[in-house]
Amino acid sequence: MRCAHCQVYACTTGDRGRLPENCPMRDYNLEEVYEKARKEYQKEEVNRIALNAARVEAAGYGNWTRLEETMEFCRRAGFRKLGLAFCMGLREEAKRIANILENNGFEVYSVVCKTGSVPKEELGLLPEEKLKEGHDPMCNPIGQAELLNAAGTDFNILVGLCVGHDTLFIKYSQAPVTVLVAKDRVLAHNPLGAIYAYYYYHRKLDKHKL
């Protein structure tokens, strides 16, 4: 499967006669995978998410910001009780986001990444690996997720959790999750900046080869 390198994207037109050789839609062994996915969309909770995501896409495409899309999606899907899991470094932004959500009628529960104040040493981190000397609490995405689980949120929104920490939050969250802000401290939280400005960043990016 190499969809990222496709030059045809016949999936967008339904023209199966133009499917490339390595397209997963050509592989008869994968038909049951597609069928399994289609059956999942018929489940009530899954259908509610997929149907309203499609409706928001059509209604706000190129017009609504992602924050507006998030609110419209939650409103249409009936998600009123929202969880906000945010990074300490974006606490001012999280406050503004929470205010906007609350001003639009949502009930918001917000939890910062350092909740619990758990020392990084519990992870096995060495002193020289920490960001600062003394008490340097770890990010606690599992704690964030469990607190929002306990609050019974309908839907959780991530604001700038680190790579890996967001992974753990999504793994442990009982409610569906979306990412409002993807952290990138170098590019003002715009990860695609590295792609759009690849001419300037390619040397930096090419240093991470396996």
Protein backbone atom coordinates (compact mmCIF):
# COMPACT_ATOMS: atom_id res chain seq x y z
CA MET A 1 0.00 0.00 0.00
CA ARG A 2 1.63 3.22 -1.20
CA CYS A 3 -1.27 5.65 -1.43
CA ALA A 4 1.00 8.59 -0.53
CA HIS A 5 2.84 8.05 -3.84
CA CYS A 6 -0.26 7.60 -6.01
CA GLN A 7 -0.62 9.79 -9.11
CA VAL A 8 -4.16 8.65 -9.94
CA TYR A 9 -6.36 8.57 -6.82
CA ALA A 10 -9.12 6.76 -8.69
CA CYS A 11 -10.73 6.18 -5.30
CA THR A 12 -11.98 9.77 -5.45
CA THR A 13 -13.84 9.19 -8.73
CA GLY A 14 -14.86 5.54 -8.38
CA ASP A 15 -13.18 4.69 -11.69
CA ARG A 16 -11.89 1.21 -10.85
CA GLY A 17 -10.52 0.81 -14.35
CA ARG A 18 -7.73 3.25 -13.48
CA LEU A 19 -6.61 1.70 -10.20
CA PRO A 20 -2.79 1.44 -10.01
CA GLU A 21 -1.18 -1.98 -9.61
CA ASN A 22 -0.29 -1.41 -5.94
CA CYS A 23 -3.69 0.02 -4.98
CA PRO A 24 -5.25 -1.86 -2.03
CA MET A 25 -8.61 -1.62 -3.84
CA ARG A 26 -7.24 -4.03 -6.48
CA ASP A 27 -6.28 -6.68 -3.92
CA TYR A 28 -9.10 -9.23 -3.62
CA ASN A 29 -7.55 -10.45 -0.37
CA LEU A 30 -8.40 -7.09 1.18
CA GLU A 31 -12.07 -7.05 0.22
CA GLU A 32 -13.02 -8.43 3.62
CA VAL A 33 -11.14 -5.55 5.24
CA TYR A 34 -13.22 -3.01 3.34
CA GLU A 35 -16.39 -4.94 4.13
CA LYS A 36 -15.51 -5.07 7.82
CA ALA A 37 -15.01 -1.30 7.83
CA ARG A 38 -18.34 -0.69 6.09
CA LYS A 39 -20.14 -2.78 8.68
CA GLU A 40 -18.53 -0.78 11.49
CA TYR A 41 -20.08 2.41 10.11
CA GLN A 42 -23.52 0.92 10.72
CA LYS A 43 -22.95 0.76 14.48
CA GLU A 44 -24.90 3.54 16.18
CA GLU A 45 -22.01 5.30 17.93
CA VAL A 46 -19.67 4.97 14.96
CA ASN A 47 -22.35 6.13 12.53
CA ARG A 48 -23.08 9.18 14.68
CA ILE A 49 -19.43 10.24 14.43
CA ALA A 50 -18.93 9.42 10.75
CA LEU A 51 -22.25 10.92 9.60
CA ASN A 52 -21.78 14.20 11.46
CA ALA A 53 -18.13 14.45 10.42
CA ALA A 54 -19.26 14.23 6.79
CA ARG A 55 -21.99 16.82 7.39
CA VAL A 56 -19.54 19.25 9.00
CA GLU A 57 -17.05 18.69 6.16
CA ALA A 58 -19.71 19.64 3.62
CA ALA A 59 -21.09 22.60 5.57
CA GLY A 60 -17.84 24.23 6.61
CA TYR A 61 -15.29 23.22 3.98
CA GLY A 62 -12.91 26.13 3.40
CA ASN A 63 -15.04 28.38 5.59
CA TRP A 64 -14.84 27.22 9.20
CA THR A 65 -11.67 27.12 11.27
CA ARG A 66 -10.83 23.81 12.94
CA LEU A 67 -12.13 25.17 16.25
CA GLU A 68 -15.43 26.03 14.58
CA GLU A 69 -15.55 22.60 12.95
CA THR A 70 -14.95 20.99 16.34
CA MET A 71 -17.82 22.89 17.93
CA GLU A 72 -20.18 22.22 15.04
CA PHE A 73 -19.28 18.53 15.02
CA CYS A 74 -19.89 18.22 18.77
CA ARG A 75 -23.16 20.13 18.54
CA ARG A 76 -24.49 17.96 15.70
CA ALA A 77 -23.28 14.73 17.30
CA GLY A 78 -24.85 15.63 20.65
CA PHE A 79 -21.56 15.88 22.54
CA ARG A 80 -22.12 18.50 25.25
CA LYS A 81 -19.68 17.48 27.98
CA LEU A 82 -16.19 18.11 26.60
CA GLY A 83 -12.78 17.24 27.98
CA LEU A 84 -9.79 19.48 27.26
CA ALA A 85 -6.41 17.79 27.74
CA PHE A 86 -3.71 20.41 27.32
CA CYS A 87 0.02 20.98 27.59
CA MET A 88 1.33 23.26 30.33
CA GLY A 89 3.14 25.24 27.62
CA LEU A 90 -0.21 26.10 26.02
CA ARG A 91 -2.10 26.97 29.19
CA GLU A 92 -3.01 30.47 28.00
CA GLU A 93 -4.31 29.09 24.73
CA ALA A 94 -6.22 26.38 26.61
CA LYS A 95 -7.89 29.03 28.78
CA ARG A 96 -9.08 30.90 25.69
CA ILE A 97 -10.29 27.68 24.04
CA ALA A 98 -12.18 26.68 27.19
CA ASN A 99 -13.81 30.13 27.35
CA ILE A 100 -14.90 29.91 23.71
CA LEU A 101 -16.35 26.43 24.20
CA GLU A 102 -18.18 27.49 27.37
CA ASN A 103 -19.49 30.67 25.72
CA ASN A 104 -20.99 28.43 23.06
CA GLY A 105 -22.88 26.36 25.60
CA PHE A 106 -20.55 23.40 26.18
CA GLU A 107 -19.65 22.02 29.60
CA VAL A 108 -15.85 21.87 29.71
CA TYR A 109 -13.55 19.82 31.95
CA SER A 110 -9.88 20.74 31.45
CA VAL A 111 -6.83 18.84 32.71
CA VAL A 112 -3.19 19.95 32.41
CA CYS A 113 -0.43 17.51 31.43
CA LYS A 114 1.48 17.85 34.73
CA THR A 115 -1.49 16.74 36.84
CA GLY A 116 -0.43 14.46 39.67
CA SER A 117 3.04 16.06 39.82
CA VAL A 118 4.68 12.64 39.33
CA PRO A 119 8.52 12.78 39.33
CA LYS A 120 10.12 11.76 36.02
CA GLU A 121 12.37 9.41 37.97
CA GLU A 122 9.40 7.02 38.21
CA LEU A 123 9.73 6.49 34.46
CA GLY A 124 13.39 5.61 34.85
CA LEU A 125 14.66 8.94 33.55
CA LEU A 126 18.21 9.83 34.57
CA PRO A 127 18.98 13.26 36.09
CA GLU A 128 20.89 14.36 32.98
CA GLU A 129 17.89 13.50 30.81
CA LYS A 130 15.51 15.86 32.59
CA LEU A 131 14.60 19.37 31.46
CA LYS A 132 15.50 20.92 34.80
CA GLU A 133 17.16 20.09 38.10
CA GLY A 134 15.14 19.24 41.17
CA HIS A 135 11.46 18.30 40.94
CA ASP A 136 10.66 17.91 37.25
CA PRO A 137 7.20 16.33 36.96
CA MET A 138 6.45 14.02 34.05
CA CYS A 139 3.66 14.63 31.60
CA ASN A 140 0.81 12.39 32.71
CA PRO A 141 -1.46 11.69 29.72
CA ILE A 142 -2.84 8.52 31.31
CA GLY A 143 -3.81 10.53 34.37
CA GLN A 144 -5.43 13.15 32.14
CA ALA A 145 -7.43 10.49 30.32
CA GLU A 146 -8.52 8.74 33.51
CA LEU A 147 -9.62 12.01 35.12
CA LEU A 148 -11.76 12.82 32.09
CA ASN A 149 -13.06 9.24 32.11
CA ALA A 150 -14.09 9.77 35.73
CA ALA A 151 -15.81 13.03 34.75
CA GLY A 152 -17.78 11.13 32.10
CA THR A 153 -16.95 13.43 29.19
CA ASP A 154 -18.70 12.79 25.86
CA PHE A 155 -15.76 13.90 23.74
CA ASN A 156 -12.14 14.86 24.42
CA ILE A 157 -10.02 17.51 22.71
CA LEU A 158 -6.21 17.48 22.70
CA VAL A 159 -4.33 20.76 22.84
CA GLY A 160 -0.60 20.39 22.24
CA LEU A 161 0.25 17.13 23.97
CA CYS A 162 3.75 15.90 23.08
CA VAL A 163 4.31 13.14 20.55
CA GLY A 164 3.83 9.88 22.43
CA HIS A 165 1.90 11.52 25.24
CA ASP A 166 -0.95 12.11 22.80
CA THR A 167 -0.66 8.42 21.86
CA LEU A 168 -1.16 7.33 25.47
CA PHE A 169 -4.04 9.73 26.03
CA ILE A 170 -5.88 8.38 22.99
CA LYS A 171 -5.17 4.80 24.10
CA TYR A 172 -6.67 5.34 27.57
CA SER A 173 -9.50 7.75 26.78
CA GLN A 174 -12.92 6.14 26.96
CA ALA A 175 -14.52 9.00 25.01
CA PRO A 176 -13.77 9.71 21.33
CA VAL A 177 -10.82 12.06 20.80
CA THR A 178 -9.84 14.78 18.34
CA VAL A 179 -6.65 16.83 18.06
CA LEU A 180 -7.23 20.57 17.95
CA VAL A 181 -3.56 21.55 18.32
CA ALA A 182 -0.56 19.43 17.28
CA LYS A 183 2.50 20.63 19.18
CA ASP A 184 5.50 21.95 17.26
CA ARG A 185 7.52 24.35 19.41
CA VAL A 186 9.83 25.28 16.51
CA LEU A 187 7.10 26.11 13.99
CA ALA A 188 4.47 27.86 16.13
CA HIS A 189 2.49 24.61 16.41
CA ASN A 190 2.21 24.29 12.63
CA PRO A 191 3.90 20.93 11.84
CA LEU A 192 3.23 21.30 8.12
CA GLY A 193 5.51 24.31 8.09
CA ALA A 194 8.40 21.85 7.81
CA ILE A 195 6.82 20.46 4.64
CA TYR A 196 5.80 23.75 3.06
CA ALA A 197 9.28 25.14 3.79
CA TYR A 198 11.09 21.88 2.98
CA TYR A 199 13.78 23.75 1.01
CA TYR A 200 14.92 25.31 4.29
CA TYR A 201 14.30 22.34 6.57
CA HIS A 202 15.38 19.31 4.49
CA ARG A 203 18.83 19.09 6.08
CA LYS A 204 17.27 19.17 9.53
CA LEU A 205 14.66 16.53 8.61
CA ASP A 206 17.16 14.22 6.89
CA LYS A 207 19.15 13.82 10.12
CA HIS A 208 16.53 11.43 11.52
CA LYS A 209 17.22 8.42 9.27
CA LEU A 210 17.00 4.92 10.81
